[in-house]
């Protein structure tokens, strides 16, 4: 299996939204949630390394992620619906800590997750928030892409 194949990462992100949603609502142990997902889902076409990394890292760094996103929200983080919160955390984690993922990919994938799982129009909000976060956290990459390099 090609672990880094885009469709395998996309499937990992899709499962991450569900796993983080469950974690946010239940407060269940991440290890338990991980075991449930590996038992209940077909994982052969999922980038499981990526899934596991983000599933464990996002809860561990949730305060740091939420603090990085907070300046770009027009409401309190706790007022976001749980799906949008999960999607924002995935996108923000990728922008902040996965420099190997191009900023445009991180934002686009989050927007697509919001379109698939979030409430109506959530994708526009998530796009705006992550675009502002990228402008702050990926300045060099953005400048290089705009100058054609």
C-alpha atoms as a PDB file:
ATOM      1  CA  UNK A   1       0.000   0.000   0.000  1.00  0.00           C
ATOM      2  CA  UNK A   2       1.180   3.486  -0.823  1.00  0.00           C
ATOM      3  CA  UNK A   3       0.904   5.129   2.548  1.00  0.00           C
ATOM      4  CA  UNK A   4       1.365   8.669   1.214  1.00  0.00           C
ATOM      5  CA  UNK A   5      -1.038   8.309  -1.701  1.00  0.00           C
ATOM      6  CA  UNK A   6      -3.366  11.351  -1.621  1.00  0.00           C
ATOM      7  CA  UNK A   7      -6.532   9.256  -1.543  1.00  0.00           C
ATOM      8  CA  UNK A   8      -5.196   7.299   1.449  1.00  0.00           C
ATOM      9  CA  UNK A   9      -4.478  10.534   3.316  1.00  0.00           C
ATOM     10  CA  UNK A  10      -7.934  11.812   2.379  1.00  0.00           C
ATOM     11  CA  UNK A  11      -9.502   8.695   3.884  1.00  0.00           C
ATOM     12  CA  UNK A  12      -7.379   9.124   7.008  1.00  0.00           C
ATOM     13  CA  UNK A  13      -8.603  12.710   7.384  1.00  0.00           C
ATOM     14  CA  UNK A  14     -12.199  11.593   6.944  1.00  0.00           C
ATOM     15  CA  UNK A  15     -11.833   9.042   9.733  1.00  0.00           C
ATOM     16  CA  UNK A  16     -10.019  11.630  11.854  1.00  0.00           C
ATOM     17  CA  UNK A  17     -13.030  13.949  11.732  1.00  0.00           C
ATOM     18  CA  UNK A  18     -15.153  11.124  13.092  1.00  0.00           C
ATOM     19  CA  UNK A  19     -12.609  10.064  15.721  1.00  0.00           C
ATOM     20  CA  UNK A  20     -11.989  13.611  16.956  1.00  0.00           C
ATOM     21  CA  UNK A  21     -15.730  14.264  17.014  1.00  0.00           C
ATOM     22  CA  UNK A  22     -16.128  11.203  19.241  1.00  0.00           C
ATOM     23  CA  UNK A  23     -13.249  12.321  21.471  1.00  0.00           C
ATOM     24  CA  UNK A  24     -14.656  15.853  21.797  1.00  0.00           C
ATOM     25  CA  UNK A  25     -18.131  14.636  22.740  1.00  0.00           C
ATOM     26  CA  UNK A  26     -17.245  11.705  24.986  1.00  0.00           C
ATOM     27  CA  UNK A  27     -13.787  12.503  26.330  1.00  0.00           C
ATOM     28  CA  UNK A  28     -12.942   8.840  25.751  1.00  0.00           C
ATOM     29  CA  UNK A  29      -9.325   7.735  25.843  1.00  0.00           C
ATOM     30  CA  UNK A  30      -7.662   8.184  22.443  1.00  0.00           C
ATOM     31  CA  UNK A  31      -6.251   4.661  22.598  1.00  0.00           C
ATOM     32  CA  UNK A  32      -9.755   3.258  23.007  1.00  0.00           C
ATOM     33  CA  UNK A  33     -11.070   5.359  20.113  1.00  0.00           C
ATOM     34  CA  UNK A  34      -8.147   4.259  17.948  1.00  0.00           C
ATOM     35  CA  UNK A  35      -8.814   0.586  18.711  1.00  0.00           C
ATOM     36  CA  UNK A  36     -12.510   1.022  17.872  1.00  0.00           C
ATOM     37  CA  UNK A  37     -11.685   2.640  14.535  1.00  0.00           C
ATOM     38  CA  UNK A  38      -9.271  -0.116  13.584  1.00  0.00           C
ATOM     39  CA  UNK A  39     -11.864  -2.734  14.536  1.00  0.00           C
ATOM     40  CA  UNK A  40     -14.883  -1.062  12.931  1.00  0.00           C
ATOM     41  CA  UNK A  41     -13.380   0.338   9.699  1.00  0.00           C
ATOM     42  CA  UNK A  42     -11.671  -1.071   6.658  1.00  0.00           C
ATOM     43  CA  UNK A  43      -8.198   0.458   7.010  1.00  0.00           C
ATOM     44  CA  UNK A  44      -6.330  -1.104   4.068  1.00  0.00           C
ATOM     45  CA  UNK A  45      -6.692   2.030   1.914  1.00  0.00           C
ATOM     46  CA  UNK A  46      -6.057   4.474   4.749  1.00  0.00           C
ATOM     47  CA  UNK A  47      -2.728   6.097   5.563  1.00  0.00           C
ATOM     48  CA  UNK A  48      -2.757   4.579   9.042  1.00  0.00           C
ATOM     49  CA  UNK A  49       0.528   6.199  10.059  1.00  0.00           C
ATOM     50  CA  UNK A  50      -0.917   9.640   9.297  1.00  0.00           C
ATOM     51  CA  UNK A  51      -4.217   8.738  11.009  1.00  0.00           C
ATOM     52  CA  UNK A  52      -2.455   7.575  14.176  1.00  0.00           C
ATOM     53  CA  UNK A  53      -0.083  10.538  14.258  1.00  0.00           C
ATOM     54  CA  UNK A  54      -2.845  13.127  14.049  1.00  0.00           C
ATOM     55  CA  UNK A  55      -5.236  11.190  16.288  1.00  0.00           C
ATOM     56  CA  UNK A  56      -2.681  11.229  19.099  1.00  0.00           C
ATOM     57  CA  UNK A  57      -1.017  14.582  18.398  1.00  0.00           C
ATOM     58  CA  UNK A  58      -4.113  16.776  18.070  1.00  0.00           C
ATOM     59  CA  UNK A  59      -5.507  15.981  21.542  1.00  0.00           C
ATOM     60  CA  UNK A  60      -2.012  16.278  23.030  1.00  0.00           C
ATOM     61  CA  UNK A  61      -1.515  19.721  21.440  1.00  0.00           C
ATOM     62  CA  UNK A  62      -5.141  20.869  21.475  1.00  0.00           C
ATOM     63  CA  UNK A  63      -4.479  23.982  23.601  1.00  0.00           C
ATOM     64  CA  UNK A  64      -1.664  25.076  21.322  1.00  0.00           C
ATOM     65  CA  UNK A  65      -3.799  24.467  18.219  1.00  0.00           C
ATOM     66  CA  UNK A  66      -6.842  26.255  19.652  1.00  0.00           C
ATOM     67  CA  UNK A  67      -4.707  29.224  20.748  1.00  0.00           C
ATOM     68  CA  UNK A  68      -3.224  29.520  17.251  1.00  0.00           C
ATOM     69  CA  UNK A  69      -6.688  29.515  15.659  1.00  0.00           C
ATOM     70  CA  UNK A  70      -8.425  31.745  18.245  1.00  0.00           C
ATOM     71  CA  UNK A  71      -7.367  35.137  16.796  1.00  0.00           C
ATOM     72  CA  UNK A  72      -9.104  34.271  13.525  1.00  0.00           C
ATOM     73  CA  UNK A  73     -12.427  33.132  14.990  1.00  0.00           C
ATOM     74  CA  UNK A  74     -15.421  35.459  15.217  1.00  0.00           C
ATOM     75  CA  UNK A  75     -16.802  33.451  18.146  1.00  0.00           C
ATOM     76  CA  UNK A  76     -15.498  31.419  21.049  1.00  0.00           C
ATOM     77  CA  UNK A  77     -13.982  28.079  20.066  1.00  0.00           C
ATOM     78  CA  UNK A  78     -16.516  26.354  22.310  1.00  0.00           C
ATOM     79  CA  UNK A  79     -19.351  27.890  20.286  1.00  0.00           C
ATOM     80  CA  UNK A  80     -18.273  26.078  17.119  1.00  0.00           C
ATOM     81  CA  UNK A  81     -20.187  22.952  16.227  1.00  0.00           C
ATOM     82  CA  UNK A  82     -18.153  19.815  17.025  1.00  0.00           C
ATOM     83  CA  UNK A  83     -17.610  18.838  13.385  1.00  0.00           C
ATOM     84  CA  UNK A  84     -16.256  22.266  12.433  1.00  0.00           C
ATOM     85  CA  UNK A  85     -14.061  22.222  15.530  1.00  0.00           C
ATOM     86  CA  UNK A  86     -12.624  18.826  14.541  1.00  0.00           C
ATOM     87  CA  UNK A  87     -12.022  19.939  10.950  1.00  0.00           C
ATOM     88  CA  UNK A  88     -10.370  23.188  12.063  1.00  0.00           C
ATOM     89  CA  UNK A  89      -8.091  21.286  14.419  1.00  0.00           C
ATOM     90  CA  UNK A  90      -7.020  18.897  11.653  1.00  0.00           C
ATOM     91  CA  UNK A  91      -6.328  21.736   9.214  1.00  0.00           C
ATOM     92  CA  UNK A  92      -4.567  23.839  11.826  1.00  0.00           C
ATOM     93  CA  UNK A  93      -2.413  20.919  12.953  1.00  0.00           C
ATOM     94  CA  UNK A  94      -1.301  20.328   9.380  1.00  0.00           C
ATOM     95  CA  UNK A  95      -0.522  24.019   8.856  1.00  0.00           C
ATOM     96  CA  UNK A  96       1.392  24.332  12.112  1.00  0.00           C
ATOM     97  CA  UNK A  97       3.201  21.009  12.437  1.00  0.00           C
ATOM     98  CA  UNK A  98       3.170  19.175   9.095  1.00  0.00           C
ATOM     99  CA  UNK A  99       5.303  21.411   6.907  1.00  0.00           C
ATOM    100  CA  UNK A 100       5.543  18.516   4.426  1.00  0.00           C
ATOM    101  CA  UNK A 101       1.867  19.129   3.605  1.00  0.00           C
ATOM    102  CA  UNK A 102       1.579  22.186   1.326  1.00  0.00           C
ATOM    103  CA  UNK A 103      -0.591  24.896   2.861  1.00  0.00           C
ATOM    104  CA  UNK A 104      -2.988  24.841  -0.092  1.00  0.00           C
ATOM    105  CA  UNK A 105      -3.490  21.096   0.361  1.00  0.00           C
ATOM    106  CA  UNK A 106      -4.113  21.439   4.112  1.00  0.00           C
ATOM    107  CA  UNK A 107      -6.716  24.153   3.538  1.00  0.00           C
ATOM    108  CA  UNK A 108      -8.375  22.417   0.582  1.00  0.00           C
ATOM    109  CA  UNK A 109      -8.642  19.107   2.417  1.00  0.00           C
ATOM    110  CA  UNK A 110     -10.193  20.823   5.449  1.00  0.00           C
ATOM    111  CA  UNK A 111     -12.680  22.670   3.237  1.00  0.00           C
ATOM    112  CA  UNK A 112     -13.667  19.394   1.572  1.00  0.00           C
ATOM    113  CA  UNK A 113     -14.116  17.731   4.969  1.00  0.00           C
ATOM    114  CA  UNK A 114     -16.356  20.599   6.053  1.00  0.00           C
ATOM    115  CA  UNK A 115     -18.403  20.262   2.866  1.00  0.00           C
ATOM    116  CA  UNK A 116     -18.812  16.526   3.483  1.00  0.00           C
ATOM    117  CA  UNK A 117     -19.440  16.498   7.232  1.00  0.00           C
ATOM    118  CA  UNK A 118     -20.055  20.019   8.485  1.00  0.00           C
ATOM    119  CA  UNK A 119     -23.135  22.171   8.592  1.00  0.00           C
ATOM    120  CA  UNK A 120     -24.130  24.224   5.570  1.00  0.00           C
ATOM    121  CA  UNK A 121     -21.664  27.020   4.774  1.00  0.00           C
ATOM    122  CA  UNK A 122     -19.143  25.797   7.381  1.00  0.00           C
ATOM    123  CA  UNK A 123     -16.621  25.232   4.606  1.00  0.00           C
ATOM    124  CA  UNK A 124     -16.508  28.973   3.875  1.00  0.00           C
ATOM    125  CA  UNK A 125     -15.835  29.789   7.515  1.00  0.00           C
ATOM    126  CA  UNK A 126     -13.142  27.120   7.815  1.00  0.00           C
ATOM    127  CA  UNK A 127     -11.521  28.315   4.597  1.00  0.00           C
ATOM    128  CA  UNK A 128     -11.337  31.873   5.937  1.00  0.00           C
ATOM    129  CA  UNK A 129      -9.923  30.876   9.323  1.00  0.00           C
ATOM    130  CA  UNK A 130      -7.296  28.511   7.915  1.00  0.00           C
ATOM    131  CA  UNK A 131      -6.333  30.977   5.186  1.00  0.00           C
ATOM    132  CA  UNK A 132      -5.555  33.574   7.871  1.00  0.00           C
ATOM    133  CA  UNK A 133      -3.653  31.023   9.951  1.00  0.00           C
ATOM    134  CA  UNK A 134      -1.626  30.011   6.885  1.00  0.00           C
ATOM    135  CA  UNK A 135      -0.801  33.658   6.152  1.00  0.00           C
ATOM    136  CA  UNK A 136       0.730  33.854   9.629  1.00  0.00           C
ATOM    137  CA  UNK A 137       2.287  30.388   9.923  1.00  0.00           C
ATOM    138  CA  UNK A 138       3.404  29.686   6.344  1.00  0.00           C
ATOM    139  CA  UNK A 139       4.622  33.111   5.213  1.00  0.00           C
ATOM    140  CA  UNK A 140       7.740  31.856   3.425  1.00  0.00           C
ATOM    141  CA  UNK A 141       5.840  29.139   1.550  1.00  0.00           C
ATOM    142  CA  UNK A 142       3.110  31.577   0.497  1.00  0.00           C
ATOM    143  CA  UNK A 143       5.630  34.168  -0.719  1.00  0.00           C
ATOM    144  CA  UNK A 144       7.468  31.495  -2.701  1.00  0.00           C
ATOM    145  CA  UNK A 145       4.266  30.269  -4.344  1.00  0.00           C
ATOM    146  CA  UNK A 146       3.244  33.801  -5.295  1.00  0.00           C
ATOM    147  CA  UNK A 147       6.629  34.604  -6.799  1.00  0.00           C
ATOM    148  CA  UNK A 148       6.496  31.453  -8.893  1.00  0.00           C
ATOM    149  CA  UNK A 149       9.157  29.594  -6.918  1.00  0.00           C
END
